[in-house]
Every structure is written in C-alpha cells, then in structure tokens.
C-alpha cells in the first residue's frame, strides 16, 4: 500500500473514533427497543448440543477476527462466534488473537510504523513485532487484516486487505443488527487475552469489557455471551462485574496459567482438571474450555489414545465443556484421520469430530463451522446417525 493510502486511512481512522460515541448510543438504544440480542431469552443451556463455536469466526475460510470471518461463521450456521480481545494504547478493546499484529495485519507495509517494531516479554515469552498497546485506535484502523497461516491456507490470502481490525463494540453492533435481521440472538464467545500482562500496563481488560456488556445488554445471567480466559483470576474478576456465563480455558496439562505464575500459585492445569480443581472452577464459572488433548491425549505418533475422565468429571460439577480446536487440515488432525501427505489438504475431519462428540462434549471450537455443524447434527436430540 502506498503512503498516500496510509494517510487516507489515518484520516478515516480518526473519523471512526469521532463517530463512535454517537453510533454506539444510537445502536444501543434501538437494540433495546427491539429486544433482539439482549438478555431475557433462554440461557446457554438452551443452545444446541453439541454447540458449534466459530473459532475466531470462520478462520478456515477468511482471515481471522474480521467482520468478514464472523459474518461467514454465522452464515455457515455457527451457534456461537468467538472473539479474542486485546487493548489499544488509548484503551479500546479490539479483536485480535494476540497483541502482536505483524502476522495478522499489513503493519509491516507501513513505513510510518517501522520504528514501533520491538521485542517484549509477554507472559514470560519473548516476542518481536508490533503490538496493539503501542497504537491508538485511529492508527490501528489504518491497517488491514491478512491471513495468519498462508502456507496452510493459501486460498484465504485472496481476502487479505479486505477488512480492518474490528473493535469489540463494532462486533456488538454487528451482532445486534444480525440478531434483528434473523429474529434470534447472536451468541458470542469472548476471551480476555493476557489480562495480567495488560493490567500491569494500566490497560485492564475486564472493566471496559463489563462496561460494554452492560451498555449492550449482555451482562446478565441469560446473556447471549460466554466470557472466557486462560487466567482464572480474570474470570473471577468478571464474575464480580457481570453475571454472564463464564468459561475457564485450559492449556496443556503441564502448564500453569500466567496469573498463577505471577501469584506463585504452584497449581498446574493437571491440578485444575482433577475433581478438586474442577470444584474450585465451578465456584465462579459455568464451564471449561480444555485443549482437546486433555480429553483424548495423543501418543508419540500423533494418534488418539485412551480418553481421560475429564468429560465425566466436569459434568459431575455441572460444568459444560467447550474444547478447542477442530480443523479440517491434515496438519491439525490426529494421525489416523489424515489423508495423504499434504499438510494443507483436508483429512477425515468428520471422523475426528465423531470421535470427540461420542465422548459427550457439550460443544467445540472449530475453524470450519460448516463441517462442525454437519458433524454435530447426527448427535443432536431427535437426529440419527445416517
């Protein structure tokens, strides 16, 4: 992109900021009158099971965390659409999987931002690139989103540059518009990313998130939103701010949540998936989002092994399970479901979905909502396996 194009988008970005307040007020007011997309309808227990959650939208087909990715996920039939939240320098919440944006935007093509490239320690990991917390929203709006893993998803690069980085408020407005158009609420699954790290910078995530949820009527127990985080303390904090359903995300068994590291809490994820750990989680959350390997570990050859008791143990504590992440490509599938040697080719994704659904999980994050939905239909009440 030329510098002239960058300059024009800088002006447009500023215009977006100037209009935000008026648009937000109007959208919130009209949505309140319509009653679509807000508290009052059935809660999360009324969602279809297994629930299909569009991971970062429909990231198997469009650059992740764009309005285009979210829209396609909904159009493909996803029951819930996921957002990950990070802050800008001026405190706006935007949708990116990570605060480092070199891999998901065209920031490297902007000479004006070359000096912002730096190295930081994020949750104990050294990361080099460009970070949302070093950009104002107006500056961030001059960038365009691109495909994160082009080597695997070359077709997605067709859509590079089509969309800007959305704010979470823009997503809330989009969800309300779609809810009114479709006549039913649009469910969101919202993650706070690196909350301890950002709080240390004076850019706390939970309070501004709660304010937005209250403004758009998604703060109550029956709200069409799940709040999720890999840091249990973030979910505990959110539980004191809003009543919306909450999910604790769980990484590999040997890892410790970063807030545990900072607090010198010796527990690992392996401790949290034990009955006592699940009892503790159930005291402030309604579900868990474990990596699929915590449900069915893979052996040294990448094949699925013997299932753990996590599904049964979590259900015993009335926790729903939304594990992550199912994808169609060979490079992500268990070895027994791969087809051929091309890592970017599709394998037997339906076989993998069936294996996980047979274990009784309540939902699943997937980059391919249409595949997940078709696989889930056979396991939903009143449907038979053909």
Protein backbone atom coordinates (compact mmCIF):
# COMPACT_ATOMS: atom_id res chain seq x y z
CA UNK A 1 0.00 0.00 0.00
CA UNK A 2 1.26 3.48 -0.83
CA UNK A 3 1.88 6.16 1.75
CA UNK A 4 -0.98 8.10 0.23
CA UNK A 5 -3.32 5.20 1.02
CA UNK A 6 -1.96 5.03 4.56
CA UNK A 7 -2.54 8.75 5.06
CA UNK A 8 -6.11 8.47 3.84
CA UNK A 9 -6.79 5.60 6.22
CA UNK A 10 -5.32 7.65 9.08
CA UNK A 11 -7.97 10.30 8.38
CA UNK A 12 -10.66 7.64 8.11
CA UNK A 13 -9.49 6.10 11.37
CA UNK A 14 -9.86 9.43 13.14
CA UNK A 15 -13.33 9.79 11.65
CA UNK A 16 -14.29 6.38 13.02
CA UNK A 17 -13.28 7.50 16.51
CA UNK A 18 -15.23 10.73 16.22
CA UNK A 19 -18.36 8.83 15.26
CA UNK A 20 -18.06 6.04 17.83
CA UNK A 21 -19.99 7.70 20.64
CA UNK A 22 -22.98 8.73 18.56
CA UNK A 23 -23.23 5.42 16.76
CA UNK A 24 -22.90 3.43 19.94
CA UNK A 25 -25.64 5.37 21.67
CA UNK A 26 -27.99 5.02 18.72
CA UNK A 27 -27.30 1.32 18.26
CA UNK A 28 -27.74 0.54 21.93
CA UNK A 29 -30.99 2.46 22.10
CA UNK A 30 -32.53 0.90 19.00
CA UNK A 31 -31.49 -2.58 20.05
CA UNK A 32 -33.05 -2.06 23.47
CA UNK A 33 -36.32 -1.19 21.79
CA UNK A 34 -36.14 -4.25 19.55
CA UNK A 35 -35.18 -6.60 22.37
CA UNK A 36 -33.12 -8.74 19.99
CA UNK A 37 -29.66 -9.92 21.02
CA UNK A 38 -30.13 -8.96 24.66
CA UNK A 39 -30.82 -10.64 27.99
CA UNK A 40 -34.18 -12.24 28.60
CA UNK A 41 -34.31 -15.25 26.27
CA UNK A 42 -33.06 -18.74 27.05
CA UNK A 43 -29.65 -19.19 28.62
CA UNK A 44 -26.65 -21.20 27.49
CA UNK A 45 -28.27 -24.49 28.48
CA UNK A 46 -30.77 -23.94 25.65
CA UNK A 47 -28.11 -23.90 22.95
CA UNK A 48 -28.00 -26.92 20.61
CA UNK A 49 -25.67 -29.67 21.84
CA UNK A 50 -23.03 -30.24 20.63
CA UNK A 51 -22.66 -26.48 20.24
CA UNK A 52 -20.61 -25.36 17.23
CA UNK A 53 -18.41 -22.36 18.04
CA UNK A 54 -16.86 -20.47 15.15
CA UNK A 55 -13.19 -20.20 16.21
CA UNK A 56 -12.10 -16.60 15.55
CA UNK A 57 -15.09 -16.57 13.21
CA UNK A 58 -14.64 -18.87 10.23
CA UNK A 59 -10.86 -18.74 10.18
CA UNK A 60 -10.61 -21.80 7.97
CA UNK A 61 -12.00 -19.66 5.15
CA UNK A 62 -11.34 -15.99 5.94
CA UNK A 63 -8.61 -14.05 7.79
CA UNK A 64 -9.36 -14.49 11.48
CA UNK A 65 -11.04 -11.92 13.69
CA UNK A 66 -12.51 -9.84 10.90
CA UNK A 67 -16.14 -8.91 10.39
CA UNK A 68 -15.95 -10.99 7.22
CA UNK A 69 -14.84 -14.03 9.22
CA UNK A 70 -17.57 -13.51 11.82
CA UNK A 71 -20.26 -12.99 9.20
CA UNK A 72 -19.34 -16.13 7.30
CA UNK A 73 -19.32 -18.17 10.52
CA UNK A 74 -22.86 -17.05 11.21
CA UNK A 75 -23.93 -17.65 7.62
CA UNK A 76 -22.47 -21.17 7.75
CA UNK A 77 -24.59 -21.95 10.80
CA UNK A 78 -22.28 -21.50 13.79
CA UNK A 79 -24.22 -21.43 17.06
CA UNK A 80 -21.66 -19.11 18.68
CA UNK A 81 -18.95 -16.85 17.22
CA UNK A 82 -15.67 -16.24 19.09
CA UNK A 83 -13.73 -13.00 19.69
CA UNK A 84 -10.36 -12.52 21.39
CA UNK A 85 -9.81 -9.11 22.97
CA UNK A 86 -6.67 -7.00 23.37
CA UNK A 87 -6.43 -3.25 24.10
CA UNK A 88 -5.15 -0.30 22.12
CA UNK A 89 -2.89 2.37 23.59
CA UNK A 90 -5.93 4.54 24.25
CA UNK A 91 -7.91 1.77 25.95
CA UNK A 92 -10.23 0.49 23.21
CA UNK A 93 -10.86 -3.26 23.04
CA UNK A 94 -10.11 -4.73 19.61
CA UNK A 95 -10.38 -8.24 18.24
CA UNK A 96 -7.03 -9.97 17.67
CA UNK A 97 -5.84 -13.38 18.76
CA UNK A 98 -2.62 -11.78 20.00
CA UNK A 99 -1.47 -8.27 20.77
CA UNK A 100 1.41 -8.83 18.32
CA UNK A 101 -0.10 -7.94 14.94
CA UNK A 102 2.76 -8.44 12.49
CA UNK A 103 1.34 -11.78 11.39
CA UNK A 104 -2.31 -10.75 11.07
CA UNK A 105 -2.16 -7.23 9.60
CA UNK A 106 -0.20 -5.31 6.96
CA UNK A 107 1.55 -3.18 9.60
CA UNK A 108 4.98 -4.12 8.16
CA UNK A 109 3.99 -2.36 4.93
CA UNK A 110 3.53 0.98 6.71
CA UNK A 111 6.83 2.92 6.84
CA UNK A 112 5.35 5.30 9.39
CA UNK A 113 5.15 2.43 11.89
CA UNK A 114 8.55 0.85 11.22
CA UNK A 115 10.02 2.30 14.41
CA UNK A 116 7.29 0.65 16.52
CA UNK A 117 8.69 -2.82 15.86
CA UNK A 118 10.12 -4.01 19.16
CA UNK A 119 10.68 -7.01 21.41
CA UNK A 120 8.62 -7.57 24.53
CA UNK A 121 8.16 -10.26 27.15
CA UNK A 122 4.52 -11.33 27.09
CA UNK A 123 3.60 -13.89 29.76
CA UNK A 124 7.23 -14.83 30.07
CA UNK A 125 7.78 -15.31 26.33
CA UNK A 126 9.99 -13.02 24.23
CA UNK A 127 8.02 -11.74 21.24
CA UNK A 128 9.23 -9.43 18.47
CA UNK A 129 6.85 -7.41 16.31
CA UNK A 130 4.23 -4.70 16.53
CA UNK A 131 1.82 -4.58 19.48
CA UNK A 132 -1.70 -3.20 19.78
CA UNK A 133 -0.87 -1.45 23.05
CA UNK A 134 1.56 0.79 21.12
CA UNK A 135 -1.13 2.01 18.69
CA UNK A 136 -4.13 4.28 19.15
CA UNK A 137 -7.38 3.03 17.70
CA UNK A 138 -7.20 5.63 14.92
CA UNK A 139 -3.75 4.34 13.97
CA UNK A 140 -4.85 0.72 14.15
CA UNK A 141 -7.77 1.49 11.85
CA UNK A 142 -5.32 2.42 9.08
CA UNK A 143 -4.18 -1.24 8.93
CA UNK A 144 -5.80 -4.12 7.09
CA UNK A 145 -6.13 -7.72 8.20
CA UNK A 146 -4.41 -10.63 6.47
CA UNK A 147 -4.25 -14.43 6.71
CA UNK A 148 -2.16 -15.65 9.65
CA UNK A 149 -1.02 -19.02 8.23
CA UNK A 150 -0.80 -18.54 4.44
CA UNK A 151 1.35 -21.65 3.94
CA UNK A 152 -1.57 -23.82 5.09
CA UNK A 153 -4.44 -21.61 3.94
CA UNK A 154 -3.23 -20.07 0.71
CA UNK A 155 -6.79 -19.54 -0.56
CA UNK A 156 -7.51 -17.29 2.41
CA UNK A 157 -4.89 -14.84 1.17
CA UNK A 158 -7.39 -13.85 -1.54
CA UNK A 159 -9.11 -11.85 1.20
CA UNK A 160 -6.01 -10.09 2.53
CA UNK A 161 -6.71 -6.38 2.87
CA UNK A 162 -10.49 -6.69 2.68
CA UNK A 163 -11.21 -5.85 6.31
CA UNK A 164 -9.93 -3.65 9.10
CA UNK A 165 -9.28 -4.73 12.69
CA UNK A 166 -12.70 -4.56 14.39
CA UNK A 167 -13.35 -3.12 17.80
CA UNK A 168 -15.40 -5.24 20.15
CA UNK A 169 -18.05 -2.53 20.17
CA UNK A 170 -18.32 -2.83 16.39
CA UNK A 171 -18.82 -6.58 16.86
CA UNK A 172 -21.56 -5.97 19.42
CA UNK A 173 -23.32 -3.65 16.99
CA UNK A 174 -22.91 -6.21 14.21
CA UNK A 175 -24.37 -8.93 16.45
CA UNK A 176 -27.39 -6.77 17.25
CA UNK A 177 -28.00 -5.99 13.59
CA UNK A 178 -27.75 -9.67 12.68
CA UNK A 179 -29.96 -10.62 15.61
CA UNK A 180 -32.71 -8.28 14.44
CA UNK A 181 -32.34 -9.44 10.83
CA UNK A 182 -32.50 -13.13 11.76
CA UNK A 183 -35.04 -12.80 14.55
CA UNK A 184 -32.86 -14.53 17.12
CA UNK A 185 -29.95 -13.67 19.37
CA UNK A 186 -26.39 -13.94 18.09
CA UNK A 187 -24.20 -15.70 20.63
CA UNK A 188 -20.62 -14.57 21.23
CA UNK A 189 -17.68 -16.30 22.99
CA UNK A 190 -15.34 -13.57 24.25
CA UNK A 191 -11.81 -14.11 25.54
CA UNK A 192 -9.65 -11.76 27.58
CA UNK A 193 -6.09 -12.19 26.27
CA UNK A 194 -3.08 -11.79 28.60
CA UNK A 195 -5.16 -9.95 31.25
CA UNK A 196 -2.42 -9.89 33.94
CA UNK A 197 0.11 -8.53 31.45
CA UNK A 198 -2.23 -5.77 30.31
CA UNK A 199 -3.30 -4.85 33.82
CA UNK A 200 0.39 -4.31 34.65
CA UNK A 201 0.47 -1.76 31.81
CA UNK A 202 -2.57 0.09 33.12
CA UNK A 203 -4.75 -1.36 30.35
CA UNK A 204 -7.09 -3.64 32.29
CA UNK A 205 -9.49 -5.65 30.14
CA UNK A 206 -12.27 -6.71 32.48
CA UNK A 207 -13.70 -3.33 33.50
CA UNK A 208 -14.05 -1.89 29.97
CA UNK A 209 -15.41 -5.24 28.79
CA UNK A 210 -18.02 -5.20 31.55
CA UNK A 211 -19.00 -1.64 30.65
CA UNK A 212 -19.57 -2.62 27.02
CA UNK A 213 -21.56 -5.69 28.03
CA UNK A 214 -23.79 -3.58 30.25
CA UNK A 215 -24.24 -0.97 27.52
CA UNK A 216 -25.39 -3.62 25.05
CA UNK A 217 -27.45 -5.66 27.50
CA UNK A 218 -25.14 -8.68 27.57
CA UNK A 219 -24.21 -8.62 31.24
CA UNK A 220 -26.95 -10.78 32.78
CA UNK A 221 -27.20 -14.47 33.56
CA UNK A 222 -29.25 -15.09 30.42
CA UNK A 223 -26.99 -13.04 28.16
CA UNK A 224 -26.08 -14.47 24.76
CA UNK A 225 -22.38 -14.43 25.54
CA UNK A 226 -19.71 -16.61 27.11
CA UNK A 227 -16.74 -14.91 28.79
CA UNK A 228 -13.53 -16.91 28.71
CA UNK A 229 -9.89 -16.66 29.71
CA UNK A 230 -6.82 -18.83 30.28
CA UNK A 231 -6.32 -16.89 33.52
CA UNK A 232 -8.82 -17.94 36.22
CA UNK A 233 -8.36 -14.64 38.08
CA UNK A 234 -9.74 -12.79 35.05
CA UNK A 235 -12.87 -14.92 35.15
CA UNK A 236 -13.16 -14.38 38.91
CA UNK A 237 -12.90 -10.63 38.36
CA UNK A 238 -15.54 -10.75 35.64
CA UNK A 239 -17.82 -12.77 37.94
CA UNK A 240 -17.86 -9.78 40.29
CA UNK A 241 -18.67 -7.35 37.48
CA UNK A 242 -21.30 -9.17 35.39
CA UNK A 243 -23.46 -12.29 35.62
CA UNK A 244 -22.95 -13.58 32.06
CA UNK A 245 -21.83 -17.24 31.78
CA UNK A 246 -18.08 -17.79 32.17
CA UNK A 247 -15.58 -20.39 30.97
CA UNK A 248 -12.05 -21.15 32.16
CA UNK A 249 -9.75 -22.12 29.31
CA UNK A 250 -7.20 -24.86 29.97
CA UNK A 251 -3.97 -25.41 28.07
CA UNK A 252 -1.56 -28.38 28.24
CA UNK A 253 -1.58 -30.35 31.49
CA UNK A 254 1.99 -29.40 32.41
CA UNK A 255 1.45 -25.65 32.05
CA UNK A 256 0.48 -23.04 34.62
CA UNK A 257 -1.82 -20.10 33.92
CA UNK A 258 0.21 -16.90 33.81
CA UNK A 259 -1.69 -15.36 36.71
CA UNK A 260 -0.70 -18.43 38.76
CA UNK A 261 2.94 -17.84 37.79
CA UNK A 262 2.75 -14.22 38.94
CA UNK A 263 0.92 -15.12 42.17
CA UNK A 264 3.32 -18.03 42.89
CA UNK A 265 0.39 -20.44 42.86
CA UNK A 266 2.01 -23.88 42.37
CA UNK A 267 -1.00 -25.50 40.69
CA UNK A 268 -0.79 -26.59 37.09
CA UNK A 269 -3.54 -27.36 34.59
CA UNK A 270 -3.13 -31.00 35.63
CA UNK A 271 -4.31 -29.95 39.10
CA UNK A 272 -7.23 -27.95 37.72
CA UNK A 273 -8.66 -30.89 35.76
CA UNK A 274 -8.77 -33.08 38.85
CA UNK A 275 -12.12 -33.26 40.68
CA UNK A 276 -10.94 -30.81 43.36
CA UNK A 277 -9.71 -28.35 40.76
CA UNK A 278 -12.97 -28.59 38.83
CA UNK A 279 -14.91 -28.00 42.07
CA UNK A 280 -12.90 -24.80 42.55
CA UNK A 281 -13.58 -23.65 38.98
CA UNK A 282 -17.29 -24.36 39.40
CA UNK A 283 -17.39 -21.88 42.29
CA UNK A 284 -17.02 -18.97 39.83
CA UNK A 285 -17.53 -20.35 36.29
CA UNK A 286 -20.08 -22.38 34.37
CA UNK A 287 -17.75 -24.21 32.03
CA UNK A 288 -14.25 -25.13 30.92
CA UNK A 289 -12.56 -24.86 27.54
CA UNK A 290 -9.84 -27.52 27.56
CA UNK A 291 -7.47 -28.31 24.73
CA UNK A 292 -8.70 -31.46 23.00
CA UNK A 293 -5.59 -33.29 24.22
CA UNK A 294 -6.89 -33.03 27.80
CA UNK A 295 -9.91 -35.07 26.70
CA UNK A 296 -8.12 -37.56 24.43
CA UNK A 297 -4.31 -37.43 24.62
CA UNK A 298 -2.25 -38.13 21.51
CA UNK A 299 0.57 -40.65 21.54
CA UNK A 300 4.10 -40.15 20.20
CA UNK A 301 2.85 -40.87 16.66
CA UNK A 302 0.09 -38.28 16.88
CA UNK A 303 -2.71 -40.84 17.17
CA UNK A 304 -5.53 -40.56 19.69
CA UNK A 305 -5.06 -42.62 22.83
CA UNK A 306 -7.32 -43.54 25.73
CA UNK A 307 -9.81 -40.80 26.75
CA UNK A 308 -9.40 -39.24 30.17
CA UNK A 309 -12.27 -38.87 32.64
CA UNK A 310 -12.42 -35.09 32.17
CA UNK A 311 -15.83 -35.04 30.46
CA UNK A 312 -17.41 -37.15 33.21
CA UNK A 313 -15.63 -35.26 35.98
CA UNK A 314 -16.60 -31.83 34.64
CA UNK A 315 -20.23 -32.85 34.17
CA UNK A 316 -20.26 -34.11 37.75
CA UNK A 317 -19.58 -30.48 38.75
CA UNK A 318 -22.27 -29.19 36.31
CA UNK A 319 -19.61 -27.63 34.09
CA UNK A 320 -20.08 -27.55 30.32
CA UNK A 321 -17.10 -28.44 28.13
CA UNK A 322 -16.17 -26.39 25.07
CA UNK A 323 -12.83 -27.87 23.96
CA UNK A 324 -10.60 -26.38 21.25
CA UNK A 325 -9.79 -26.55 18.30
CA UNK A 326 -11.10 -28.78 15.49
CA UNK A 327 -9.77 -28.06 11.99
CA UNK A 328 -10.08 -29.75 8.61
CA UNK A 329 -6.43 -29.75 7.52
CA UNK A 330 -4.11 -32.75 7.89
CA UNK A 331 -1.57 -30.69 9.80
CA UNK A 332 -4.04 -30.28 12.67
CA UNK A 333 -5.79 -33.66 12.66
CA UNK A 334 -4.86 -36.71 14.71
CA UNK A 335 -2.64 -39.01 12.62
CA UNK A 336 -5.31 -41.64 12.00
CA UNK A 337 -7.59 -39.07 10.36
CA UNK A 338 -5.05 -37.62 7.93
CA UNK A 339 -5.32 -38.30 4.20
CA UNK A 340 -2.21 -38.21 2.03
CA UNK A 341 0.97 -36.31 2.81
CA UNK A 342 -0.03 -32.70 2.01
CA UNK A 343 -0.31 -30.91 5.38
CA UNK A 344 -2.67 -28.31 3.88
CA UNK A 345 -5.04 -30.90 2.38
CA UNK A 346 -8.26 -31.88 4.12
CA UNK A 347 -8.29 -35.13 6.04
CA UNK A 348 -11.14 -37.09 7.61
CA UNK A 349 -12.40 -34.22 9.74
CA UNK A 350 -15.82 -35.85 10.14
CA UNK A 351 -14.20 -38.93 11.67
CA UNK A 352 -12.34 -36.78 14.18
CA UNK A 353 -15.48 -34.80 15.08
CA UNK A 354 -17.37 -38.05 15.61
CA UNK A 355 -14.72 -39.36 17.99
CA UNK A 356 -14.91 -36.25 20.15
CA UNK A 357 -18.71 -35.95 20.05
CA UNK A 358 -19.10 -39.59 21.11
CA UNK A 359 -17.38 -38.69 24.38
CA UNK A 360 -20.20 -36.31 25.33
CA UNK A 361 -18.60 -32.89 24.99
CA UNK A 362 -21.08 -30.01 25.05
CA UNK A 363 -19.55 -28.02 22.21
CA UNK A 364 -16.40 -27.47 20.22
CA UNK A 365 -14.38 -24.62 18.75
CA UNK A 366 -13.75 -25.11 15.06
CA UNK A 367 -12.18 -23.10 12.23
CA UNK A 368 -14.71 -24.76 9.89
CA UNK A 369 -18.21 -24.17 11.27
CA UNK A 370 -19.97 -25.84 8.34
CA UNK A 371 -18.02 -29.07 8.85
CA UNK A 372 -18.63 -28.93 12.59
CA UNK A 373 -22.34 -28.26 12.17
CA UNK A 374 -22.84 -31.15 9.75
CA UNK A 375 -20.95 -33.48 12.08
CA UNK A 376 -22.90 -32.24 15.12
CA UNK A 377 -26.31 -32.75 13.54
CA UNK A 378 -26.04 -36.53 13.92
CA UNK A 379 -25.53 -36.13 17.68
CA UNK A 380 -28.27 -33.63 18.41
CA UNK A 381 -31.54 -34.83 20.02
CA UNK A 382 -34.01 -36.26 17.54
CA UNK A 383 -31.36 -36.85 14.91
CA UNK A 384 -29.96 -40.21 13.94
CA UNK A 385 -26.61 -41.17 12.51
CA UNK A 386 -27.16 -41.97 8.81
